[in-house]
C-alpha atoms as a PDB file:
ATOM      1  CA  MET A   1      44.007  28.989  10.681  1.00  0.00           C
ATOM      2  CA  LYS A   2      40.429  29.902  11.510  1.00  0.00           C
ATOM      3  CA  ILE A   3      37.498  27.578  10.761  1.00  0.00           C
ATOM      4  CA  ILE A   4      34.723  29.584   9.119  1.00  0.00           C
ATOM      5  CA  LYS A   5      32.226  26.774   8.742  1.00  0.00           C
ATOM      6  CA  GLN A   6      32.697  23.258  10.084  1.00  0.00           C
ATOM      7  CA  GLY A   7      32.099  20.579   7.436  1.00  0.00           C
ATOM      8  CA  GLU A   8      31.392  16.885   7.562  1.00  0.00           C
ATOM      9  CA  LYS A   9      34.402  14.793   6.614  1.00  0.00           C
ATOM     10  CA  LYS A  10      33.765  12.378   3.757  1.00  0.00           C
ATOM     11  CA  ALA A  11      36.187   9.881   2.280  1.00  0.00           C
ATOM     12  CA  TRP A  12      35.281  10.826  -1.309  1.00  0.00           C
ATOM     13  CA  GLY A  13      32.392  12.453  -3.167  1.00  0.00           C
ATOM     14  CA  ILE A  14      31.528  14.172  -6.421  1.00  0.00           C
ATOM     15  CA  GLU A  15      28.704  16.592  -7.153  1.00  0.00           C
ATOM     16  CA  LEU A  16      26.611  15.336 -10.080  1.00  0.00           C
ATOM     17  CA  VAL A  17      23.225  16.085 -11.634  1.00  0.00           C
ATOM     18  CA  CYS A  18      20.525  13.477 -12.267  1.00  0.00           C
ATOM     19  CA  THR A  19      20.267  13.442 -16.082  1.00  0.00           C
ATOM     20  CA  GLY A  20      19.631   9.814 -16.981  1.00  0.00           C
ATOM     21  CA  ALA A  21      22.598  10.084 -19.388  1.00  0.00           C
ATOM     22  CA  GLY A  22      23.450   6.728 -20.919  1.00  0.00           C
ATOM     23  CA  ASN A  23      20.224   5.098 -19.791  1.00  0.00           C
ATOM     24  CA  ASP A  24      16.582   4.954 -20.816  1.00  0.00           C
ATOM     25  CA  ARG A  25      15.060   8.318 -19.912  1.00  0.00           C
ATOM     26  CA  SER A  26      11.496   7.476 -20.933  1.00  0.00           C
ATOM     27  CA  GLY A  27      10.413   7.669 -17.289  1.00  0.00           C
ATOM     28  CA  GLY A  28      11.904  11.149 -16.984  1.00  0.00           C
ATOM     29  CA  THR A  29      14.575  12.538 -14.701  1.00  0.00           C
ATOM     30  CA  CYS A  30      14.401  15.167 -11.984  1.00  0.00           C
ATOM     31  CA  GLY A  31      17.616  17.166 -12.471  1.00  0.00           C
ATOM     32  CA  ALA A  32      18.522  16.973  -8.760  1.00  0.00           C
ATOM     33  CA  THR A  33      22.059  18.009  -7.792  1.00  0.00           C
ATOM     34  CA  LEU A  34      23.517  15.221  -5.677  1.00  0.00           C
ATOM     35  CA  MET A  35      26.668  14.459  -3.697  1.00  0.00           C
ATOM     36  CA  VAL A  36      27.487  11.012  -5.062  1.00  0.00           C
ATOM     37  CA  GLU A  37      29.776   8.947  -2.837  1.00  0.00           C
ATOM     38  CA  GLU A  38      31.729   5.726  -3.306  1.00  0.00           C
ATOM     39  CA  ASN A  39      28.961   3.298  -2.308  1.00  0.00           C
ATOM     40  CA  ASP A  40      26.423   5.056  -4.544  1.00  0.00           C
ATOM     41  CA  ILE A  41      28.285   4.017  -7.690  1.00  0.00           C
ATOM     42  CA  PHE A  42      27.819   0.639  -9.355  1.00  0.00           C
ATOM     43  CA  ARG A  43      28.783  -0.940 -12.667  1.00  0.00           C
ATOM     44  CA  THR A  44      26.312  -1.479 -15.481  1.00  0.00           C
ATOM     45  CA  SER A  45      26.823  -2.966 -18.916  1.00  0.00           C
ATOM     46  CA  SER A  46      25.300  -3.269 -22.329  1.00  0.00           C
ATOM     47  CA  GLY A  47      25.800  -6.099 -24.771  1.00  0.00           C
ATOM     48  CA  SER A  48      26.129  -6.073 -28.521  1.00  0.00           C
ATOM     49  CA  TYR A  49      24.955  -8.558 -31.104  1.00  0.00           C
ATOM     50  CA  ASP A  50      28.593  -9.547 -31.722  1.00  0.00           C
ATOM     51  CA  GLY A  51      28.895 -10.745 -28.113  1.00  0.00           C
ATOM     52  CA  SER A  52      30.976  -7.824 -26.866  1.00  0.00           C
ATOM     53  CA  SER A  53      30.045  -5.796 -23.798  1.00  0.00           C
ATOM     54  CA  GLU A  54      30.609  -2.227 -22.704  1.00  0.00           C
ATOM     55  CA  TYR A  55      30.778  -1.269 -19.042  1.00  0.00           C
ATOM     56  CA  TYR A  56      29.699   1.958 -17.359  1.00  0.00           C
ATOM     57  CA  TYR A  57      29.814   3.531 -13.910  1.00  0.00           C
ATOM     58  CA  THR A  58      26.352   4.564 -12.813  1.00  0.00           C
ATOM     59  CA  PHE A  59      24.395   5.960  -9.875  1.00  0.00           C
ATOM     60  CA  GLU A  60      20.692   5.834  -9.051  1.00  0.00           C
ATOM     61  CA  CYS A  61      18.976   9.094  -8.102  1.00  0.00           C
ATOM     62  CA  PRO A  62      17.367   8.815  -4.645  1.00  0.00           C
ATOM     63  CA  VAL A  63      14.620  11.221  -5.747  1.00  0.00           C
ATOM     64  CA  CYS A  64      13.349   9.820  -9.076  1.00  0.00           C
ATOM     65  CA  LYS A  65      15.251   6.468  -9.238  1.00  0.00           C
ATOM     66  CA  SER A  66      16.707   7.293 -12.693  1.00  0.00           C
ATOM     67  CA  TRP A  67      20.141   5.903 -13.519  1.00  0.00           C
ATOM     68  CA  THR A  68      22.873   8.287 -14.726  1.00  0.00           C
ATOM     69  CA  ASP A  69      26.248   7.187 -16.098  1.00  0.00           C
ATOM     70  CA  ILE A  70      29.432   8.904 -14.924  1.00  0.00           C
ATOM     71  CA  LYS A  71      32.390   9.485 -17.248  1.00  0.00           C
ATOM     72  CA  ASP A  72      35.288   7.198 -16.262  1.00  0.00           C
ATOM     73  CA  ILE A  73      37.688  10.132 -16.250  1.00  0.00           C
ATOM     74  CA  ASN A  74      35.758  11.699 -13.332  1.00  0.00           C
ATOM     75  CA  LEU A  75      36.391   8.692 -11.083  1.00  0.00           C
ATOM     76  CA  PRO A  76      39.639   7.698  -9.356  1.00  0.00           C
ATOM     77  CA  SER A  77      40.760   4.153 -10.111  1.00  0.00           C
ATOM     78  CA  TRP A  78      40.014   2.958  -6.546  1.00  0.00           C
ATOM     79  CA  ILE A  79      36.398   4.158  -6.908  1.00  0.00           C
ATOM     80  CA  ARG A  80      36.079   2.272 -10.217  1.00  0.00           C
ATOM     81  CA  ASP A  81      37.536  -0.854  -8.560  1.00  0.00           C
ATOM     82  CA  SER A  82      35.003  -0.574  -5.750  1.00  0.00           C
ATOM     83  CA  ALA A  83      32.091  -0.044  -8.188  1.00  0.00           C
ATOM     84  CA  ASN A  84      33.149  -3.095 -10.217  1.00  0.00           C
ATOM     85  CA  LYS A  85      32.161  -5.239  -7.233  1.00  0.00           C
ATOM     86  CA  ARG A  86      28.598  -3.868  -7.404  1.00  0.00           C
ATOM     87  CA  HIS A  87      27.194  -4.791 -10.820  1.00  0.00           C
ATOM     88  CA  ARG A  88      23.520  -4.024 -11.444  1.00  0.00           C
ATOM     89  CA  TYR A  89      21.339  -4.962 -14.390  1.00  0.00           C
ATOM     90  CA  PRO A  90      18.477  -3.055 -16.058  1.00  0.00           C
ATOM     91  CA  SER A  91      16.041  -5.411 -14.336  1.00  0.00           C
ATOM     92  CA  ASP A  92      17.347  -4.015 -10.999  1.00  0.00           C
ATOM     93  CA  ARG A  93      16.248  -0.498 -11.945  1.00  0.00           C
ATOM     94  CA  ASN A  94      13.892   1.145  -9.475  1.00  0.00           C
ATOM     95  CA  ASN A  95      14.267  -1.654  -6.929  1.00  0.00           C
ATOM     96  CA  ILE A  96      14.927  -0.206  -3.504  1.00  0.00           C
ATOM     97  CA  ASP A  97      18.240  -1.439  -2.093  1.00  0.00           C
ATOM     98  CA  THR A  98      18.159  -0.991   1.675  1.00  0.00           C
ATOM     99  CA  ASP A  99      21.852  -1.886   2.043  1.00  0.00           C
ATOM    100  CA  ARG A 100      23.015   1.267   0.264  1.00  0.00           C
END
């Protein structure tokens, strides 16, 4: 086998576009195409008046800081399990997290 172009090995990643889908887009989004990796994904939630909650898998765009939800079906179960340990709230939006 011949290597045409050497790549950088990554454990897991998915190419996604910054759309703000599932979140408040009033601040606008940039439409950047991003390679989203395991530690970029966190869990968010929304509550209902009846006390129930819905959970989502989300990433924050490094360009415009918008949050975009990812469809569960696009994520392996081990990525969802990892993201469940990183829950963020709307009040966290646009705060710079230097650990990520």
